[in-house]
Amino acid sequence: MSGERLQIKRRKFERLVSDALDAIPVELTSRMDNVVVQIEDRNPEEPSLLGLYDGIALTSRDDGYAGALPDTIWIYREAILDISETEDDIREEVLITVVHEIAHHFGISDDRLHELGWA
């Protein structure tokens, strides 16, 4: 990548995240439980991280889960812009990141995601 980093307004980035969520089949999104999606510029501990799932995967929940705060899927805008040269790159990275983090919500490991091409 050369020159200045591509910039898009936060509102447009939020739309791309929303579009990525809309692209997930309803058979999956209807099974998501107690999870929110948040957009931040960067992860403070790992600035190059594109996304993060923070919670208890559906496959790990038991009776003690009742009343837990929502799980959070974090999508990091600036980190995605850092690795993107075009708006199509941004759109693709957002989709991959959203799918990747939702997969963690369903208990799918990073290793399995790599095998499936979603890492």
PDB file of N, CA and C in Angstrom:
ATOM      1  N   MET A   1       0.852  -1.168   0.000  1.00  0.00           N
ATOM      2  CA  MET A   1       0.000   0.000   0.000  1.00  0.00           C
ATOM      3  C   MET A   1       0.894   1.226   0.000  1.00  0.00           C
ATOM      4  N   SER A   2       0.555   2.211  -0.782  1.00  0.00           N
ATOM      5  CA  SER A   2       1.385   3.398  -0.845  1.00  0.00           C
ATOM      6  C   SER A   2       0.524   4.635  -0.619  1.00  0.00           C
ATOM      7  N   GLY A   3       1.189   5.710  -0.173  1.00  0.00           N
ATOM      8  CA  GLY A   3       0.474   6.958  -0.001  1.00  0.00           C
ATOM      9  C   GLY A   3      -0.384   6.983   1.248  1.00  0.00           C
ATOM     10  N   GLU A   4      -1.375   7.859   1.201  1.00  0.00           N
ATOM     11  CA  GLU A   4      -2.259   8.047   2.341  1.00  0.00           C
ATOM     12  C   GLU A   4      -3.259   6.913   2.499  1.00  0.00           C
ATOM     13  N   ARG A   5      -3.610   6.669   3.738  1.00  0.00           N
ATOM     14  CA  ARG A   5      -4.594   5.632   4.027  1.00  0.00           C
ATOM     15  C   ARG A   5      -5.982   6.098   3.599  1.00  0.00           C
ATOM     16  N   LEU A   6      -6.751   5.161   3.080  1.00  0.00           N
ATOM     17  CA  LEU A   6      -8.125   5.434   2.678  1.00  0.00           C
ATOM     18  C   LEU A   6      -8.940   5.840   3.903  1.00  0.00           C
ATOM     19  N   GLN A   7      -9.781   6.834   3.739  1.00  0.00           N
ATOM     20  CA  GLN A   7     -10.638   7.300   4.825  1.00  0.00           C
ATOM     21  C   GLN A   7     -12.100   7.170   4.411  1.00  0.00           C
ATOM     22  N   ILE A   8     -12.932   6.733   5.338  1.00  0.00           N
ATOM     23  CA  ILE A   8     -14.374   6.807   5.139  1.00  0.00           C
ATOM     24  C   ILE A   8     -14.979   7.303   6.440  1.00  0.00           C
ATOM     25  N   LYS A   9     -16.091   7.961   6.321  1.00  0.00           N
ATOM     26  CA  LYS A   9     -16.759   8.494   7.510  1.00  0.00           C
ATOM     27  C   LYS A   9     -17.250   7.348   8.393  1.00  0.00           C
ATOM     28  N   ARG A  10     -17.284   7.621   9.682  1.00  0.00           N
ATOM     29  CA  ARG A  10     -17.712   6.610  10.649  1.00  0.00           C
ATOM     30  C   ARG A  10     -19.110   6.078  10.313  1.00  0.00           C
ATOM     31  N   ARG A  11     -20.008   6.968   9.911  1.00  0.00           N
ATOM     32  CA  ARG A  11     -21.386   6.574   9.596  1.00  0.00           C
ATOM     33  C   ARG A  11     -21.408   5.557   8.454  1.00  0.00           C
ATOM     34  N   LYS A  12     -20.574   5.777   7.441  1.00  0.00           N
ATOM     35  CA  LYS A  12     -20.513   4.839   6.319  1.00  0.00           C
ATOM     36  C   LYS A  12     -19.935   3.501   6.787  1.00  0.00           C
ATOM     37  N   PHE A  13     -18.933   3.531   7.647  1.00  0.00           N
ATOM     38  CA  PHE A  13     -18.357   2.301   8.181  1.00  0.00           C
ATOM     39  C   PHE A  13     -19.417   1.535   8.976  1.00  0.00           C
ATOM     40  N   GLU A  14     -20.195   2.252   9.771  1.00  0.00           N
ATOM     41  CA  GLU A  14     -21.283   1.614  10.528  1.00  0.00           C
ATOM     42  C   GLU A  14     -22.269   0.927   9.589  1.00  0.00           C
ATOM     43  N   ARG A  15     -22.549   1.561   8.447  1.00  0.00           N
ATOM     44  CA  ARG A  15     -23.435   0.947   7.442  1.00  0.00           C
ATOM     45  C   ARG A  15     -22.834  -0.335   6.889  1.00  0.00           C
ATOM     46  N   LEU A  16     -21.521  -0.335   6.659  1.00  0.00           N
ATOM     47  CA  LEU A  16     -20.852  -1.538   6.159  1.00  0.00           C
ATOM     48  C   LEU A  16     -20.955  -2.681   7.168  1.00  0.00           C
ATOM     49  N   VAL A  17     -20.819  -2.360   8.450  1.00  0.00           N
ATOM     50  CA  VAL A  17     -20.980  -3.377   9.494  1.00  0.00           C
ATOM     51  C   VAL A  17     -22.416  -3.878   9.502  1.00  0.00           C
ATOM     52  N   SER A  18     -23.364  -2.972   9.401  1.00  0.00           N
ATOM     53  CA  SER A  18     -24.775  -3.351   9.352  1.00  0.00           C
ATOM     54  C   SER A  18     -25.065  -4.229   8.137  1.00  0.00           C
ATOM     55  N   ASP A  19     -24.504  -3.865   6.995  1.00  0.00           N
ATOM     56  CA  ASP A  19     -24.677  -4.675   5.783  1.00  0.00           C
ATOM     57  C   ASP A  19     -24.093  -6.070   5.965  1.00  0.00           C
ATOM     58  N   ALA A  20     -22.944  -6.158   6.622  1.00  0.00           N
ATOM     59  CA  ALA A  20     -22.312  -7.461   6.870  1.00  0.00           C
ATOM     60  C   ALA A  20     -23.207  -8.304   7.776  1.00  0.00           C
ATOM     61  N   LEU A  21     -23.785  -7.690   8.792  1.00  0.00           N
ATOM     62  CA  LEU A  21     -24.705  -8.419   9.675  1.00  0.00           C
ATOM     63  C   LEU A  21     -25.931  -8.885   8.901  1.00  0.00           C
ATOM     64  N   ASP A  22     -26.432  -8.046   8.002  1.00  0.00           N
ATOM     65  CA  ASP A  22     -27.594  -8.412   7.185  1.00  0.00           C
ATOM     66  C   ASP A  22     -27.280  -9.560   6.231  1.00  0.00           C
ATOM     67  N   ALA A  23     -26.001  -9.720   5.874  1.00  0.00           N
ATOM     68  CA  ALA A  23     -25.599 -10.778   4.952  1.00  0.00           C
ATOM     69  C   ALA A  23     -25.524 -12.155   5.627  1.00  0.00           C
ATOM     70  N   ILE A  24     -25.544 -12.166   6.955  1.00  0.00           N
ATOM     71  CA  ILE A  24     -25.507 -13.430   7.695  1.00  0.00           C
ATOM     72  C   ILE A  24     -26.896 -14.068   7.584  1.00  0.00           C
ATOM     73  N   PRO A  25     -26.974 -15.332   7.232  1.00  0.00           N
ATOM     74  CA  PRO A  25     -28.292 -15.982   7.107  1.00  0.00           C
ATOM     75  C   PRO A  25     -29.104 -15.881   8.402  1.00  0.00           C
ATOM     76  N   VAL A  26     -30.392 -15.608   8.235  1.00  0.00           N
ATOM     77  CA  VAL A  26     -31.286 -15.451   9.381  1.00  0.00           C
ATOM     78  C   VAL A  26     -31.310 -16.710  10.255  1.00  0.00           C
ATOM     79  N   GLU A  27     -31.037 -17.868   9.657  1.00  0.00           N
ATOM     80  CA  GLU A  27     -30.985 -19.110  10.445  1.00  0.00           C
ATOM     81  C   GLU A  27     -29.893 -19.036  11.510  1.00  0.00           C
ATOM     82  N   LEU A  28     -28.848 -18.250  11.241  1.00  0.00           N
ATOM     83  CA  LEU A  28     -27.790 -18.074  12.241  1.00  0.00           C
ATOM     84  C   LEU A  28     -28.087 -16.906  13.166  1.00  0.00           C
ATOM     85  N   THR A  29     -28.427 -15.756  12.590  1.00  0.00           N
ATOM     86  CA  THR A  29     -28.644 -14.584  13.442  1.00  0.00           C
ATOM     87  C   THR A  29     -29.800 -14.797  14.415  1.00  0.00           C
ATOM     88  N   SER A  30     -30.788 -15.601  14.026  1.00  0.00           N
ATOM     89  CA  SER A  30     -31.902 -15.851  14.938  1.00  0.00           C
ATOM     90  C   SER A  30     -31.467 -16.690  16.141  1.00  0.00           C
ATOM     91  N   ARG A  31     -30.334 -17.365  16.030  1.00  0.00           N
ATOM     92  CA  ARG A  31     -29.817 -18.182  17.139  1.00  0.00           C
ATOM     93  C   ARG A  31     -28.827 -17.424  18.020  1.00  0.00           C
ATOM     94  N   MET A  32     -28.444 -16.238  17.584  1.00  0.00           N
ATOM     95  CA  MET A  32     -27.542 -15.430  18.411  1.00  0.00           C
ATOM     96  C   MET A  32     -28.313 -14.989  19.649  1.00  0.00           C
ATOM     97  N   ASP A  33     -27.621 -15.016  20.789  1.00  0.00           N
ATOM     98  CA  ASP A  33     -28.315 -14.735  22.038  1.00  0.00           C
ATOM     99  C   ASP A  33     -27.453 -13.856  22.938  1.00  0.00           C
ATOM    100  N   ASN A  34     -28.028 -12.737  23.369  1.00  0.00           N
ATOM    101  CA  ASN A  34     -27.399 -11.858  24.336  1.00  0.00           C
ATOM    102  C   ASN A  34     -26.027 -11.381  23.851  1.00  0.00           C
ATOM    103  N   VAL A  35     -26.000 -10.815  22.657  1.00  0.00           N
ATOM    104  CA  VAL A  35     -24.749 -10.312  22.087  1.00  0.00           C
ATOM    105  C   VAL A  35     -25.015  -8.975  21.402  1.00  0.00           C
ATOM    106  N   VAL A  36     -24.085  -8.047  21.550  1.00  0.00           N
ATOM    107  CA  VAL A  36     -24.170  -6.750  20.892  1.00  0.00           C
ATOM    108  C   VAL A  36     -22.926  -6.559  20.035  1.00  0.00           C
ATOM    109  N   VAL A  37     -23.061  -5.734  19.007  1.00  0.00           N
ATOM    110  CA  VAL A  37     -21.933  -5.409  18.135  1.00  0.00           C
ATOM    111  C   VAL A  37     -21.591  -3.938  18.358  1.00  0.00           C
ATOM    112  N   GLN A  38     -20.320  -3.684  18.637  1.00  0.00           N
ATOM    113  CA  GLN A  38     -19.840  -2.326  18.886  1.00  0.00           C
ATOM    114  C   GLN A  38     -18.726  -2.000  17.901  1.00  0.00           C
ATOM    115  N   ILE A  39     -18.635  -0.749  17.519  1.00  0.00           N
ATOM    116  CA  ILE A  39     -17.565  -0.281  16.645  1.00  0.00           C
ATOM    117  C   ILE A  39     -16.707   0.698  17.438  1.00  0.00           C
ATOM    118  N   GLU A  40     -15.424   0.440  17.436  1.00  0.00           N
ATOM    119  CA  GLU A  40     -14.443   1.338  18.053  1.00  0.00           C
ATOM    120  C   GLU A  40     -13.347   1.583  17.036  1.00  0.00           C
ATOM    121  N   ASP A  41     -12.543   2.607  17.268  1.00  0.00           N
ATOM    122  CA  ASP A  41     -11.455   2.877  16.334  1.00  0.00           C
ATOM    123  C   ASP A  41     -10.369   1.810  16.418  1.00  0.00           C
ATOM    124  N   ARG A  42      -9.949   1.477  17.640  1.00  0.00           N
ATOM    125  CA  ARG A  42      -8.870   0.494  17.828  1.00  0.00           C
ATOM    126  C   ARG A  42      -9.037  -0.230  19.154  1.00  0.00           C
ATOM    127  N   ASN A  43      -8.448  -1.423  19.211  1.00  0.00           N
ATOM    128  CA  ASN A  43      -8.325  -2.138  20.470  1.00  0.00           C
ATOM    129  C   ASN A  43      -7.114  -1.517  21.186  1.00  0.00           C
ATOM    130  N   PRO A  44      -7.289  -1.047  22.429  1.00  0.00           N
ATOM    131  CA  PRO A  44      -6.187  -0.360  23.108  1.00  0.00           C
ATOM    132  C   PRO A  44      -4.973  -1.263  23.390  1.00  0.00           C
ATOM    133  N   GLU A  45      -5.205  -2.559  23.575  1.00  0.00           N
ATOM    134  CA  GLU A  45      -4.089  -3.455  23.873  1.00  0.00           C
ATOM    135  C   GLU A  45      -3.423  -4.013  22.621  1.00  0.00           C
ATOM    136  N   GLU A  46      -4.191  -4.155  21.547  1.00  0.00           N
ATOM    137  CA  GLU A  46      -3.682  -4.690  20.281  1.00  0.00           C
ATOM    138  C   GLU A  46      -4.187  -3.818  19.144  1.00  0.00           C
ATOM    139  N   PRO A  47      -3.505  -2.706  18.872  1.00  0.00           N
ATOM    140  CA  PRO A  47      -4.011  -1.730  17.894  1.00  0.00           C
ATOM    141  C   PRO A  47      -4.245  -2.266  16.488  1.00  0.00           C
ATOM    142  N   SER A  48      -3.605  -3.365  16.104  1.00  0.00           N
ATOM    143  CA  SER A  48      -3.799  -3.896  14.753  1.00  0.00           C
ATOM    144  C   SER A  48      -4.913  -4.939  14.681  1.00  0.00           C
ATOM    145  N   LEU A  49      -5.542  -5.251  15.811  1.00  0.00           N
ATOM    146  CA  LEU A  49      -6.627  -6.231  15.851  1.00  0.00           C
ATOM    147  C   LEU A  49      -7.839  -5.690  15.090  1.00  0.00           C
ATOM    148  N   LEU A  50      -8.414  -6.525  14.221  1.00  0.00           N
ATOM    149  CA  LEU A  50      -9.554  -6.098  13.403  1.00  0.00           C
ATOM    150  C   LEU A  50     -10.885  -6.263  14.119  1.00  0.00           C
ATOM    151  N   GLY A  51     -10.991  -7.287  14.964  1.00  0.00           N
ATOM    152  CA  GLY A  51     -12.228  -7.550  15.683  1.00  0.00           C
ATOM    153  C   GLY A  51     -11.948  -8.413  16.894  1.00  0.00           C
ATOM    154  N   LEU A  52     -12.925  -8.475  17.792  1.00  0.00           N
ATOM    155  CA  LEU A  52     -12.766  -9.249  19.019  1.00  0.00           C
ATOM    156  C   LEU A  52     -14.138  -9.692  19.512  1.00  0.00           C
ATOM    157  N   TYR A  53     -14.213 -10.952  19.918  1.00  0.00           N
ATOM    158  CA  TYR A  53     -15.418 -11.457  20.581  1.00  0.00           C
ATOM    159  C   TYR A  53     -15.104 -11.534  22.061  1.00  0.00           C
ATOM    160  N   ASP A  54     -15.893 -10.874  22.880  1.00  0.00           N
ATOM    161  CA  ASP A  54     -15.710 -10.871  24.326  1.00  0.00           C
ATOM    162  C   ASP A  54     -16.989 -11.395  24.957  1.00  0.00           C
ATOM    163  N   GLY A  55     -16.944 -12.642  25.407  1.00  0.00           N
ATOM    164  CA  GLY A  55     -18.129 -13.218  26.014  1.00  0.00           C
ATOM    165  C   GLY A  55     -17.986 -14.702  26.242  1.00  0.00           C
ATOM    166  N   ILE A  56     -19.110 -15.335  26.456  1.00  0.00           N
ATOM    167  CA  ILE A  56     -19.172 -16.779  26.672  1.00  0.00           C
ATOM    168  C   ILE A  56     -19.914 -17.382  25.485  1.00  0.00           C
ATOM    169  N   ALA A  57     -19.186 -18.183  24.703  1.00  0.00           N
ATOM    170  CA  ALA A  57     -19.774 -18.777  23.503  1.00  0.00           C
ATOM    171  C   ALA A  57     -21.015 -19.578  23.850  1.00  0.00           C
ATOM    172  N   LEU A  58     -21.936 -19.653  22.907  1.00  0.00           N
ATOM    173  CA  LEU A  58     -23.172 -20.407  23.122  1.00  0.00           C
ATOM    174  C   LEU A  58     -22.891 -21.844  23.554  1.00  0.00           C
ATOM    175  N   THR A  59     -21.834 -22.433  23.012  1.00  0.00           N
ATOM    176  CA  THR A  59     -21.497 -23.827  23.319  1.00  0.00           C
ATOM    177  C   THR A  59     -20.917 -23.995  24.718  1.00  0.00           C
ATOM    178  N   SER A  60     -20.563 -22.901  25.388  1.00  0.00           N
ATOM    179  CA  SER A  60     -19.976 -22.971  26.731  1.00  0.00           C
ATOM    180  C   SER A  60     -20.920 -22.496  27.824  1.00  0.00           C
ATOM    181  N   ARG A  61     -22.098 -22.080  27.457  1.00  0.00           N
ATOM    182  CA  ARG A  61     -23.042 -21.559  28.456  1.00  0.00           C
ATOM    183  C   ARG A  61     -23.711 -22.705  29.199  1.00  0.00           C
ATOM    184  N   ASP A  62     -23.934 -22.454  30.500  1.00  0.00           N
ATOM    185  CA  ASP A  62     -24.643 -23.437  31.310  1.00  0.00           C
ATOM    186  C   ASP A  62     -25.659 -22.698  32.175  1.00  0.00           C
ATOM    187  N   ASP A  63     -26.199 -23.364  33.168  1.00  0.00           N
ATOM    188  CA  ASP A  63     -27.226 -22.754  34.020  1.00  0.00           C
ATOM    189  C   ASP A  63     -26.731 -21.494  34.728  1.00  0.00           C
ATOM    190  N   GLY A  64     -25.440 -21.381  34.958  1.00  0.00           N
ATOM    191  CA  GLY A  64     -24.880 -20.222  35.636  1.00  0.00           C
ATOM    192  C   GLY A  64     -24.822 -18.977  34.767  1.00  0.00           C
ATOM    193  N   TYR A  65     -25.147 -19.111  33.490  1.00  0.00           N
ATOM    194  CA  TYR A  65     -25.072 -17.974  32.572  1.00  0.00           C
ATOM    195  C   TYR A  65     -26.232 -16.993  32.765  1.00  0.00           C
ATOM    196  N   ALA A  66     -27.333 -17.425  33.294  1.00  0.00           N
ATOM    197  CA  ALA A  66     -28.531 -16.580  33.432  1.00  0.00           C
ATOM    198  C   ALA A  66     -28.182 -15.242  34.075  1.00  0.00           C
ATOM    199  N   GLY A  67     -28.670 -14.166  33.479  1.00  0.00           N
ATOM    200  CA  GLY A  67     -28.458 -12.829  34.023  1.00  0.00           C
ATOM    201  C   GLY A  67     -27.117 -12.210  33.657  1.00  0.00           C
ATOM    202  N   ALA A  68     -26.327 -12.867  32.820  1.00  0.00           N
ATOM    203  CA  ALA A  68     -25.024 -12.332  32.428  1.00  0.00           C
ATOM    204  C   ALA A  68     -25.191 -11.097  31.545  1.00  0.00           C
ATOM    205  N   LEU A  69     -24.223 -10.215  31.617  1.00  0.00           N
ATOM    206  CA  LEU A  69     -24.204  -9.065  30.716  1.00  0.00           C
ATOM    207  C   LEU A  69     -24.046  -9.571  29.282  1.00  0.00           C
ATOM    208  N   PRO A  70     -24.483  -8.789  28.310  1.00  0.00           N
ATOM    209  CA  PRO A  70     -24.358  -9.249  26.913  1.00  0.00           C
ATOM    210  C   PRO A  70     -22.904  -9.469  26.503  1.00  0.00           C
ATOM    211  N   ASP A  71     -22.710 -10.464  25.648  1.00  0.00           N
ATOM    212  CA  ASP A  71     -21.419 -10.632  24.997  1.00  0.00           C
ATOM    213  C   ASP A  71     -21.257  -9.439  24.051  1.00  0.00           C
ATOM    214  N   THR A  72     -20.006  -9.133  23.706  1.00  0.00           N
ATOM    215  CA  THR A  72     -19.755  -8.017  22.805  1.00  0.00           C
ATOM    216  C   THR A  72     -18.861  -8.463  21.668  1.00  0.00           C
ATOM    217  N   ILE A  73     -19.270  -8.114  20.464  1.00  0.00           N
ATOM    218  CA  ILE A  73     -18.417  -8.258  19.284  1.00  0.00           C
ATOM    219  C   ILE A  73     -17.914  -6.855  18.967  1.00  0.00           C
ATOM    220  N   TRP A  74     -16.601  -6.713  19.007  1.00  0.00           N
ATOM    221  CA  TRP A  74     -15.964  -5.424  18.707  1.00  0.00           C
ATOM    222  C   TRP A  74     -15.432  -5.461  17.282  1.00  0.00           C
ATOM    223  N   ILE A  75     -15.720  -4.424  16.505  1.00  0.00           N
ATOM    224  CA  ILE A  75     -15.174  -4.251  15.172  1.00  0.00           C
ATOM    225  C   ILE A  75     -14.335  -2.964  15.216  1.00  0.00           C
ATOM    226  N   TYR A  76     -13.058  -3.079  14.819  1.00  0.00           N
ATOM    227  CA  TYR A  76     -12.122  -1.963  14.959  1.00  0.00           C
ATOM    228  C   TYR A  76     -11.879  -1.268  13.621  1.00  0.00           C
ATOM    229  N   ARG A  77     -12.496  -0.116  13.504  1.00  0.00           N
ATOM    230  CA  ARG A  77     -12.533   0.655  12.259  1.00  0.00           C
ATOM    231  C   ARG A  77     -11.149   1.045  11.740  1.00  0.00           C
ATOM    232  N   GLU A  78     -10.350   1.695  12.556  1.00  0.00           N
ATOM    233  CA  GLU A  78      -9.046   2.183  12.102  1.00  0.00           C
ATOM    234  C   GLU A  78      -8.140   1.032  11.673  1.00  0.00           C
ATOM    235  N   ALA A  79      -8.181  -0.083  12.379  1.00  0.00           N
ATOM    236  CA  ALA A  79      -7.342  -1.228  12.024  1.00  0.00           C
ATOM    237  C   ALA A  79      -7.750  -1.789  10.660  1.00  0.00           C
ATOM    238  N   ILE A  80      -9.046  -1.824  10.394  1.00  0.00           N
ATOM    239  CA  ILE A  80      -9.513  -2.304   9.088  1.00  0.00           C
ATOM    240  C   ILE A  80      -9.115  -1.317   7.990  1.00  0.00           C
ATOM    241  N   LEU A  81      -9.227  -0.032   8.260  1.00  0.00           N
ATOM    242  CA  LEU A  81      -8.810   0.965   7.265  1.00  0.00           C
ATOM    243  C   LEU A  81      -7.312   0.868   6.985  1.00  0.00           C
ATOM    244  N   ASP A  82      -6.526   0.537   8.006  1.00  0.00           N
ATOM    245  CA  ASP A  82      -5.073   0.410   7.839  1.00  0.00           C
ATOM    246  C   ASP A  82      -4.693  -0.615   6.772  1.00  0.00           C
ATOM    247  N   ILE A  83      -5.469  -1.680   6.645  1.00  0.00           N
ATOM    248  CA  ILE A  83      -5.090  -2.769   5.729  1.00  0.00           C
ATOM    249  C   ILE A  83      -5.888  -2.737   4.422  1.00  0.00           C
ATOM    250  N   SER A  84      -6.657  -1.681   4.223  1.00  0.00           N
ATOM    251  CA  SER A  84      -7.529  -1.599   3.044  1.00  0.00           C
ATOM    252  C   SER A  84      -7.059  -0.509   2.088  1.00  0.00           C
ATOM    253  N   GLU A  85      -7.084  -0.833   0.796  1.00  0.00           N
ATOM    254  CA  GLU A  85      -6.710   0.150  -0.219  1.00  0.00           C
ATOM    255  C   GLU A  85      -7.916   0.752  -0.923  1.00  0.00           C
ATOM    256  N   THR A  86      -9.033   0.016  -0.942  1.00  0.00           N
ATOM    257  CA  THR A  86     -10.232   0.484  -1.640  1.00  0.00           C
ATOM    258  C   THR A  86     -11.449   0.278  -0.740  1.00  0.00           C
ATOM    259  N   GLU A  87     -12.565   0.887  -1.139  1.00  0.00           N
ATOM    260  CA  GLU A  87     -13.802   0.650  -0.390  1.00  0.00           C
ATOM    261  C   GLU A  87     -14.226  -0.808  -0.479  1.00  0.00           C
ATOM    262  N   ASP A  88     -13.960  -1.450  -1.603  1.00  0.00           N
ATOM    263  CA  ASP A  88     -14.264  -2.879  -1.711  1.00  0.00           C
ATOM    264  C   ASP A  88     -13.442  -3.693  -0.713  1.00  0.00           C
ATOM    265  N   ASP A  89     -12.173  -3.305  -0.511  1.00  0.00           N
ATOM    266  CA  ASP A  89     -11.337  -3.966   0.502  1.00  0.00           C
ATOM    267  C   ASP A  89     -11.964  -3.803   1.885  1.00  0.00           C
ATOM    268  N   ILE A  90     -12.412  -2.600   2.178  1.00  0.00           N
ATOM    269  CA  ILE A  90     -13.027  -2.336   3.485  1.00  0.00           C
ATOM    270  C   ILE A  90     -14.260  -3.211   3.652  1.00  0.00           C
ATOM    271  N   ARG A  91     -15.116  -3.227   2.648  1.00  0.00           N
ATOM    272  CA  ARG A  91     -16.344  -4.019   2.696  1.00  0.00           C
ATOM    273  C   ARG A  91     -16.014  -5.496   2.952  1.00  0.00           C
ATOM    274  N   GLU A  92     -15.022  -6.015   2.233  1.00  0.00           N
ATOM    275  CA  GLU A  92     -14.634  -7.420   2.383  1.00  0.00           C
ATOM    276  C   GLU A  92     -14.051  -7.700   3.771  1.00  0.00           C
ATOM    277  N   GLU A  93     -13.186  -6.822   4.256  1.00  0.00           N
ATOM    278  CA  GLU A  93     -12.585  -7.022   5.581  1.00  0.00           C
ATOM    279  C   GLU A  93     -13.632  -6.933   6.688  1.00  0.00           C
ATOM    280  N   VAL A  94     -14.582  -6.013   6.530  1.00  0.00           N
ATOM    281  CA  VAL A  94     -15.668  -5.910   7.517  1.00  0.00           C
ATOM    282  C   VAL A  94     -16.468  -7.208   7.532  1.00  0.00           C
ATOM    283  N   LEU A  95     -16.843  -7.719   6.361  1.00  0.00           N
ATOM    284  CA  LEU A  95     -17.609  -8.962   6.296  1.00  0.00           C
ATOM    285  C   LEU A  95     -16.836 -10.123   6.923  1.00  0.00           C
ATOM    286  N   ILE A  96     -15.579 -10.265   6.553  1.00  0.00           N
ATOM    287  CA  ILE A  96     -14.762 -11.357   7.111  1.00  0.00           C
ATOM    288  C   ILE A  96     -14.663 -11.227   8.625  1.00  0.00           C
ATOM    289  N   THR A  97     -14.446 -10.013   9.109  1.00  0.00           N
ATOM    290  CA  THR A  97     -14.296  -9.791  10.548  1.00  0.00           C
ATOM    291  C   THR A  97     -15.598 -10.067  11.287  1.00  0.00           C
ATOM    292  N   VAL A  98     -16.711  -9.588  10.759  1.00  0.00           N
ATOM    293  CA  VAL A  98     -18.013  -9.824  11.395  1.00  0.00           C
ATOM    294  C   VAL A  98     -18.314 -11.330  11.441  1.00  0.00           C
ATOM    295  N   VAL A  99     -18.129 -12.029  10.322  1.00  0.00           N
ATOM    296  CA  VAL A  99     -18.375 -13.471  10.287  1.00  0.00           C
ATOM    297  C   VAL A  99     -17.458 -14.190  11.279  1.00  0.00           C
ATOM    298  N   HIS A 100     -16.197 -13.800  11.302  1.00  0.00           N
ATOM    299  CA  HIS A 100     -15.218 -14.415  12.195  1.00  0.00           C
ATOM    300  C   HIS A 100     -15.650 -14.280  13.664  1.00  0.00           C
ATOM    301  N   GLU A 101     -16.036 -13.083  14.064  1.00  0.00           N
ATOM    302  CA  GLU A 101     -16.408 -12.856  15.471  1.00  0.00           C
ATOM    303  C   GLU A 101     -17.742 -13.513  15.813  1.00  0.00           C
ATOM    304  N   ILE A 102     -18.695 -13.526  14.893  1.00  0.00           N
ATOM    305  CA  ILE A 102     -19.953 -14.234  15.131  1.00  0.00           C
ATOM    306  C   ILE A 102     -19.679 -15.728  15.293  1.00  0.00           C
ATOM    307  N   ALA A 103     -18.752 -16.239  14.509  1.00  0.00           N
ATOM    308  CA  ALA A 103     -18.390 -17.660  14.629  1.00  0.00           C
ATOM    309  C   ALA A 103     -17.891 -17.972  16.033  1.00  0.00           C
ATOM    310  N   HIS A 104     -17.117 -17.064  16.621  1.00  0.00           N
ATOM    311  CA  HIS A 104     -16.665 -17.270  18.008  1.00  0.00           C
ATOM    312  C   HIS A 104     -17.857 -17.319  18.964  1.00  0.00           C
ATOM    313  N   HIS A 105     -18.871 -16.504  18.704  1.00  0.00           N
ATOM    314  CA  HIS A 105     -20.094 -16.528  19.525  1.00  0.00           C
ATOM    315  C   HIS A 105     -20.727 -17.922  19.493  1.00  0.00           C
ATOM    316  N   PHE A 106     -20.598 -18.599  18.348  1.00  0.00           N
ATOM    317  CA  PHE A 106     -21.139 -19.951  18.201  1.00  0.00           C
ATOM    318  C   PHE A 106     -20.151 -21.032  18.640  1.00  0.00           C
ATOM    319  N   GLY A 107     -19.001 -20.613  19.172  1.00  0.00           N
ATOM    320  CA  GLY A 107     -18.039 -21.576  19.710  1.00  0.00           C
ATOM    321  C   GLY A 107     -17.051 -22.124  18.703  1.00  0.00           C
ATOM    322  N   ILE A 108     -16.936 -21.498  17.546  1.00  0.00           N
ATOM    323  CA  ILE A 108     -16.008 -21.963  16.524  1.00  0.00           C
ATOM    324  C   ILE A 108     -14.632 -21.351  16.793  1.00  0.00           C
ATOM    325  N   SER A 109     -13.616 -22.191  16.816  1.00  0.00           N
ATOM    326  CA  SER A 109     -12.257 -21.762  17.171  1.00  0.00           C
ATOM    327  C   SER A 109     -11.552 -21.061  16.009  1.00  0.00           C
ATOM    328  N   ASP A 110     -10.483 -20.341  16.333  1.00  0.00           N
ATOM    329  CA  ASP A 110      -9.658 -19.712  15.301  1.00  0.00           C
ATOM    330  C   ASP A 110      -9.096 -20.750  14.339  1.00  0.00           C
ATOM    331  N   ASP A 111      -8.653 -21.890  14.867  1.00  0.00           N
ATOM    332  CA  ASP A 111      -8.106 -22.943  14.003  1.00  0.00           C
ATOM    333  C   ASP A 111      -9.136 -23.382  12.968  1.00  0.00           C
ATOM    334  N   ARG A 112     -10.360 -23.622  13.417  1.00  0.00           N
ATOM    335  CA  ARG A 112     -11.419 -24.055  12.492  1.00  0.00           C
ATOM    336  C   ARG A 112     -11.742 -22.950  11.489  1.00  0.00           C
ATOM    337  N   LEU A 113     -11.750 -21.709  11.933  1.00  0.00           N
ATOM    338  CA  LEU A 113     -12.002 -20.587  11.029  1.00  0.00           C
ATOM    339  C   LEU A 113     -10.922 -20.498   9.956  1.00  0.00           C
ATOM    340  N   HIS A 114      -9.672 -20.751  10.345  1.00  0.00           N
ATOM    341  CA  HIS A 114      -8.580 -20.766   9.354  1.00  0.00           C
ATOM    342  C   HIS A 114      -8.836 -21.861   8.321  1.00  0.00           C
ATOM    343  N   GLU A 115      -9.238 -23.034   8.795  1.00  0.00           N
ATOM    344  CA  GLU A 115      -9.531 -24.146   7.878  1.00  0.00           C
ATOM    345  C   GLU A 115     -10.644 -23.785   6.893  1.00  0.00           C
ATOM    346  N   LEU A 116     -11.624 -23.016   7.373  1.00  0.00           N
ATOM    347  CA  LEU A 116     -12.770 -22.638   6.546  1.00  0.00           C
ATOM    348  C   LEU A 116     -12.520 -21.405   5.678  1.00  0.00           C
ATOM    349  N   GLY A 117     -11.366 -20.745   5.879  1.00  0.00           N
ATOM    350  CA  GLY A 117     -11.039 -19.558   5.094  1.00  0.00           C
ATOM    351  C   GLY A 117     -11.624 -18.268   5.618  1.00  0.00           C
ATOM    352  N   TRP A 118     -12.006 -18.227   6.899  1.00  0.00           N
ATOM    353  CA  TRP A 118     -12.603 -17.031   7.501  1.00  0.00           C
ATOM    354  C   TRP A 118     -11.700 -16.431   8.566  1.00  0.00           C
ATOM    355  N   ALA A 119     -10.403 -16.497   8.354  1.00  0.00           N
ATOM    356  CA  ALA A 119      -9.498 -15.952   9.361  1.00  0.00           C
ATOM    357  C   ALA A 119      -8.635 -14.852   8.787  1.00  0.00           C
TER     358      ALA A 119
END
